[in-house]
Protein backbone atom coordinates (compact mmCIF):
# COMPACT_ATOMS: atom_id res chain seq x y z
CA UNK A 1 51.93 -4.40 94.77
CA UNK A 2 49.71 -4.90 91.72
CA UNK A 3 46.96 -2.87 93.43
CA UNK A 4 49.43 -0.09 94.12
CA UNK A 5 50.54 -0.15 90.49
CA UNK A 6 46.92 0.10 89.32
CA UNK A 7 46.39 3.07 91.65
CA UNK A 8 49.52 4.72 90.29
CA UNK A 9 48.31 4.12 86.75
CA UNK A 10 44.89 5.62 87.47
CA UNK A 11 46.44 8.66 89.14
CA UNK A 12 48.84 9.21 86.29
CA UNK A 13 46.11 8.95 83.67
CA UNK A 14 43.93 11.40 85.55
CA UNK A 15 46.60 14.06 85.76
CA UNK A 16 48.37 13.67 82.42
CA UNK A 17 45.63 13.69 79.80
CA UNK A 18 47.69 15.95 77.57
CA UNK A 19 51.00 14.16 78.17
CA UNK A 20 51.64 13.18 74.58
CA UNK A 21 51.57 16.82 73.50
CA UNK A 22 52.87 18.76 76.48
CA UNK A 23 56.28 17.09 76.84
CA UNK A 24 57.60 17.44 73.31
CA UNK A 25 60.78 19.38 72.75
CA UNK A 26 60.17 22.93 71.48
CA UNK A 27 60.01 23.62 67.76
CA UNK A 28 61.20 26.80 66.11
CA UNK A 29 58.89 28.96 64.04
CA UNK A 30 59.19 29.86 60.38
CA UNK A 31 57.36 27.02 58.67
CA UNK A 32 57.80 23.27 58.49
CA UNK A 33 61.01 23.31 56.42
CA UNK A 34 62.71 25.88 58.64
CA UNK A 35 61.55 24.07 61.78
CA UNK A 36 62.88 20.73 60.51
CA UNK A 37 66.23 22.25 59.57
CA UNK A 38 66.50 23.92 62.98
CA UNK A 39 65.77 20.70 64.84
CA UNK A 40 68.22 18.74 62.70
CA UNK A 41 70.98 21.30 63.25
CA UNK A 42 70.45 21.40 67.02
CA UNK A 43 69.72 17.69 67.35
CA UNK A 44 66.30 18.43 68.81
CA UNK A 45 63.47 16.03 68.09
CA UNK A 46 60.19 15.39 69.86
CA UNK A 47 60.15 12.71 72.53
CA UNK A 48 57.66 10.69 70.51
CA UNK A 49 60.08 10.75 67.58
CA UNK A 50 62.94 9.80 69.88
CA UNK A 51 60.93 6.77 71.03
CA UNK A 52 60.24 5.81 67.43
CA UNK A 53 63.97 5.97 66.66
CA UNK A 54 64.66 3.75 69.66
CA UNK A 55 62.04 1.15 68.71
CA UNK A 56 63.25 1.00 65.11
CA UNK A 57 66.84 0.55 66.34
CA UNK A 58 68.01 3.76 64.66
CA UNK A 59 69.04 5.28 68.00
CA UNK A 60 71.43 2.75 69.54
CA UNK A 61 73.97 2.49 72.33
CA UNK A 62 72.28 5.01 74.60
CA UNK A 63 72.70 4.79 78.39
CA UNK A 64 69.73 6.61 79.90
CA UNK A 65 66.49 8.22 78.77
CA UNK A 66 67.06 11.92 77.93
CA UNK A 67 66.04 14.00 80.92
CA UNK A 68 63.54 16.04 78.95
CA UNK A 69 61.80 12.81 77.85
CA UNK A 70 61.64 11.12 81.26
CA UNK A 71 58.08 12.18 81.99
CA UNK A 72 57.01 11.36 78.47
CA UNK A 73 58.38 7.82 78.84
CA UNK A 74 56.65 7.48 82.22
CA UNK A 75 53.34 8.58 80.70
CA UNK A 76 53.76 6.13 77.84
CA UNK A 77 54.64 3.16 80.07
CA UNK A 78 51.87 3.86 82.60
CA UNK A 79 49.28 5.08 80.14
CA UNK A 80 47.03 3.14 77.75
CA UNK A 81 49.34 3.10 74.72
CA UNK A 82 52.03 0.75 76.06
CA UNK A 83 49.66 -2.15 76.83
CA UNK A 84 47.87 -1.49 73.52
CA UNK A 85 51.20 -1.74 71.68
CA UNK A 86 52.09 -4.94 73.51
CA UNK A 87 48.77 -6.57 72.66
CA UNK A 88 49.24 -5.55 69.01
CA UNK A 89 52.54 -7.49 68.96
CA UNK A 90 50.98 -10.48 70.71
CA UNK A 91 48.00 -10.51 68.33
CA UNK A 92 50.35 -10.77 65.35
CA UNK A 93 52.42 -13.46 67.05
CA UNK A 94 49.37 -15.56 67.93
CA UNK A 95 47.97 -15.35 64.41
CA UNK A 96 51.31 -16.59 63.10
CA UNK A 97 51.51 -19.40 65.68
CA UNK A 98 48.02 -20.68 64.93
CA UNK A 99 48.87 -21.04 61.26
CA UNK A 100 51.88 -23.27 61.86
CA UNK A 101 51.86 -27.04 61.62
CA UNK A 102 54.14 -28.40 64.32
CA UNK A 103 56.11 -31.60 63.97
CA UNK A 104 54.79 -32.98 67.25
CA UNK A 105 58.18 -34.25 68.38
CA UNK A 106 58.62 -31.71 71.18
CA UNK A 107 61.32 -29.80 69.30
CA UNK A 108 59.28 -26.80 68.14
CA UNK A 109 60.08 -24.04 70.62
CA UNK A 110 59.13 -20.46 71.33
CA UNK A 111 61.83 -18.35 72.98
CA UNK A 112 60.90 -15.59 75.42
CA UNK A 113 63.12 -13.02 77.08
CA UNK A 114 62.25 -12.40 80.74
CA UNK A 115 62.42 -8.74 81.81
CA UNK A 116 59.96 -6.45 80.01
CA UNK A 117 58.83 -9.50 78.05
CA UNK A 118 57.50 -12.39 80.15
CA UNK A 119 57.70 -10.16 83.22
CA UNK A 120 57.02 -6.44 83.64
CA UNK A 121 59.27 -4.45 85.97
CA UNK A 122 57.23 -1.25 85.89
CA UNK A 123 57.06 -1.18 89.67
CA UNK A 124 60.88 -1.07 89.74
CA UNK A 125 61.22 1.53 87.00
CA UNK A 126 58.59 3.69 88.71
CA UNK A 127 60.94 4.22 91.66
CA UNK A 128 62.19 7.85 91.92
CA UNK A 129 65.85 6.84 91.79
CA UNK A 130 65.23 4.86 88.58
CA UNK A 131 62.71 7.23 86.95
CA UNK A 132 61.80 5.04 83.99
CA UNK A 133 65.38 4.80 82.80
CA UNK A 134 66.26 8.47 83.21
CA UNK A 135 68.70 7.76 86.05
CA UNK A 136 72.00 5.90 85.77
CA UNK A 137 71.62 2.10 85.74
CA UNK A 138 72.45 0.41 89.04
CA UNK A 139 73.12 -3.30 88.46
CA UNK A 140 73.30 -4.08 92.19
CA UNK A 141 69.92 -2.49 92.87
CA UNK A 142 68.36 -4.27 89.90
CA UNK A 143 69.72 -7.65 91.02
CA UNK A 144 68.37 -7.08 94.54
CA UNK A 145 64.96 -6.27 93.08
CA UNK A 146 64.92 -9.45 90.98
CA UNK A 147 65.92 -11.57 93.97
CA UNK A 148 62.62 -10.64 95.63
CA UNK A 149 60.77 -12.59 92.95
CA UNK A 150 57.76 -10.27 93.03
CA UNK A 151 57.74 -9.05 89.42
CA UNK A 152 54.28 -9.23 87.78
CA UNK A 153 53.72 -10.85 84.41
CA UNK A 154 53.41 -8.64 81.36
CA UNK A 155 49.71 -9.40 80.73
CA UNK A 156 49.84 -9.60 76.93
CA UNK A 157 52.77 -12.02 76.94
CA UNK A 158 51.20 -14.24 79.59
CA UNK A 159 48.10 -14.49 77.40
CA UNK A 160 50.26 -15.54 74.45
CA UNK A 161 52.05 -18.13 76.60
CA UNK A 162 48.68 -19.60 77.64
CA UNK A 163 47.76 -19.99 73.97
CA UNK A 164 51.09 -21.42 72.82
CA UNK A 165 51.37 -24.27 75.32
CA UNK A 166 48.13 -26.04 74.25
CA UNK A 167 49.17 -25.60 70.61
CA UNK A 168 52.17 -27.81 71.32
CA UNK A 169 55.00 -25.28 71.55
CA UNK A 170 57.75 -25.92 74.07
CA UNK A 171 58.69 -22.75 75.92
CA UNK A 172 62.26 -21.58 76.44
CA UNK A 173 63.03 -18.58 78.61
CA UNK A 174 66.36 -17.04 77.63
CA UNK A 175 67.62 -14.22 79.83
CA UNK A 176 70.88 -12.42 80.58
CA UNK A 177 69.80 -12.43 84.22
CA UNK A 178 72.36 -14.07 86.50
CA UNK A 179 72.28 -17.79 87.23
CA UNK A 180 72.66 -16.84 90.90
CA UNK A 181 69.04 -15.62 90.77
CA UNK A 182 67.63 -18.89 89.40
CA UNK A 183 65.61 -19.81 92.49
CA UNK A 184 63.86 -16.46 92.68
CA UNK A 185 63.31 -16.32 88.92
CA UNK A 186 61.73 -19.79 88.90
CA UNK A 187 59.41 -18.99 91.80
CA UNK A 188 58.53 -15.64 90.26
CA UNK A 189 57.58 -17.17 86.91
CA UNK A 190 55.43 -19.86 88.50
CA UNK A 191 53.77 -17.42 90.88
CA UNK A 192 52.49 -15.19 88.07
CA UNK A 193 51.24 -18.01 85.83
CA UNK A 194 54.11 -19.47 83.81
CA UNK A 195 53.75 -23.00 85.11
CA UNK A 196 55.69 -25.06 82.60
CA UNK A 197 58.64 -24.63 80.28
CA UNK A 198 61.31 -26.64 78.48
CA UNK A 199 64.31 -24.60 79.59
CA UNK A 200 65.16 -21.52 81.64
CA UNK A 201 68.55 -20.32 80.41
CA UNK A 202 70.35 -17.80 82.62
CA UNK A 203 73.79 -16.25 82.39
CA UNK A 204 76.60 -18.15 84.08
CA UNK A 205 79.33 -16.36 86.02
CA UNK A 206 81.83 -17.25 83.29
CA UNK A 207 79.61 -15.50 80.74
CA UNK A 208 79.45 -12.17 82.58
CA UNK A 209 81.00 -9.47 80.44
CA UNK A 210 79.67 -11.02 77.24
CA UNK A 211 77.26 -8.74 75.40
CA UNK A 212 73.62 -9.76 75.40
CA UNK A 213 73.69 -10.01 71.60
CA UNK A 214 76.58 -12.47 71.60
CA UNK A 215 75.32 -14.41 74.62
CA UNK A 216 71.79 -14.92 73.30
CA UNK A 217 73.02 -15.73 69.81
CA UNK A 218 75.29 -18.42 71.28
CA UNK A 219 72.52 -19.93 73.39
CA UNK A 220 70.10 -20.03 70.48
CA UNK A 221 72.75 -21.72 68.34
CA UNK A 222 73.19 -24.33 71.07
CA UNK A 223 69.44 -24.96 71.04
CA UNK A 224 69.41 -25.44 67.28
CA UNK A 225 72.42 -27.76 67.46
CA UNK A 226 70.51 -29.79 70.06
CA UNK A 227 67.75 -30.35 67.51
CA UNK A 228 65.27 -27.65 68.54
CA UNK A 229 63.46 -25.54 65.95
CA UNK A 230 62.96 -21.91 67.03
CA UNK A 231 59.54 -21.16 65.58
CA UNK A 232 59.10 -17.89 67.46
CA UNK A 233 61.37 -15.54 69.38
CA UNK A 234 60.15 -12.58 71.41
CA UNK A 235 61.95 -9.89 73.37
CA UNK A 236 61.95 -6.19 74.17
CA UNK A 237 65.50 -5.54 72.89
CA UNK A 238 66.90 -5.89 69.39
CA UNK A 239 69.73 -7.90 70.93
CA UNK A 240 67.10 -10.49 71.93
CA UNK A 241 66.12 -11.20 68.35
CA UNK A 242 69.21 -10.47 66.24
CA UNK A 243 72.34 -12.24 64.99
CA UNK A 244 72.66 -16.04 64.68
CA UNK A 245 69.61 -18.33 64.71
CA UNK A 246 67.05 -15.66 65.69
CA UNK A 247 64.18 -17.99 64.81
CA UNK A 248 61.62 -18.50 62.08
CA UNK A 249 59.80 -15.33 63.18
CA UNK A 250 60.85 -12.65 65.65
CA UNK A 251 58.63 -10.25 67.58
CA UNK A 252 59.83 -7.02 69.23
CA UNK A 253 57.95 -5.59 72.21
CA UNK A 254 58.25 -1.87 72.96
CA UNK A 255 60.70 -0.66 75.61
CA UNK A 256 61.94 2.95 75.62
CA UNK A 257 63.33 2.68 79.19
CA UNK A 258 66.73 1.13 78.47
CA UNK A 259 68.98 -0.21 75.72
CA UNK A 260 70.90 -3.48 75.91
CA UNK A 261 73.75 -4.27 73.52
């Protein structure tokens, strides 16, 4: 599967060298001021600006990627910029981690989300009926995909994990993925290189229907009440790193494919 993904990446790069310019929404003429006013009035912005609004949490509560930006998002996720952006986040996180003095009592933890953080589901989102988030979300299909346990690691995050463990951080994976998928999630993590962790927290049946923001906030609070110190917290959604007890430092990875409340 990883070989197929690499082939897909190479093919995409070869045929979309002008992707970042050719898939912007059209601008009107008449100078910069007129163009800006026209776009504001008609709610038309470039796809790159739409992605910026998503990553800065200014565009919230959206369900699917706008149709006109689907190919742009695909080019971003499969092109060189997405991994570059991820490694930029990881570089900052590692510099921070290396400058910390840990207590050495096993209570200093680093929290990772799973999907699009520890693991990369680009092979799933590349499917035509998913189209990098441009098609309606299908929870049943996504759960079936995760049960296979074949999701690759997100390379930048795996590298950070490999640095954090020898530094003395205990790793906690906190995901809204269903508890019913625990076996496949455990085998998946170990298969791609995450060999040890303190806790893998998954959503119980009784917690279904709770927003990700509330659920993750509650679980982090429980960790703190148990004596853990959240030194770092990393996810691809703002709901991963917001609200109660987010941690001493938070790190947001890019993800323009979907939004989770």
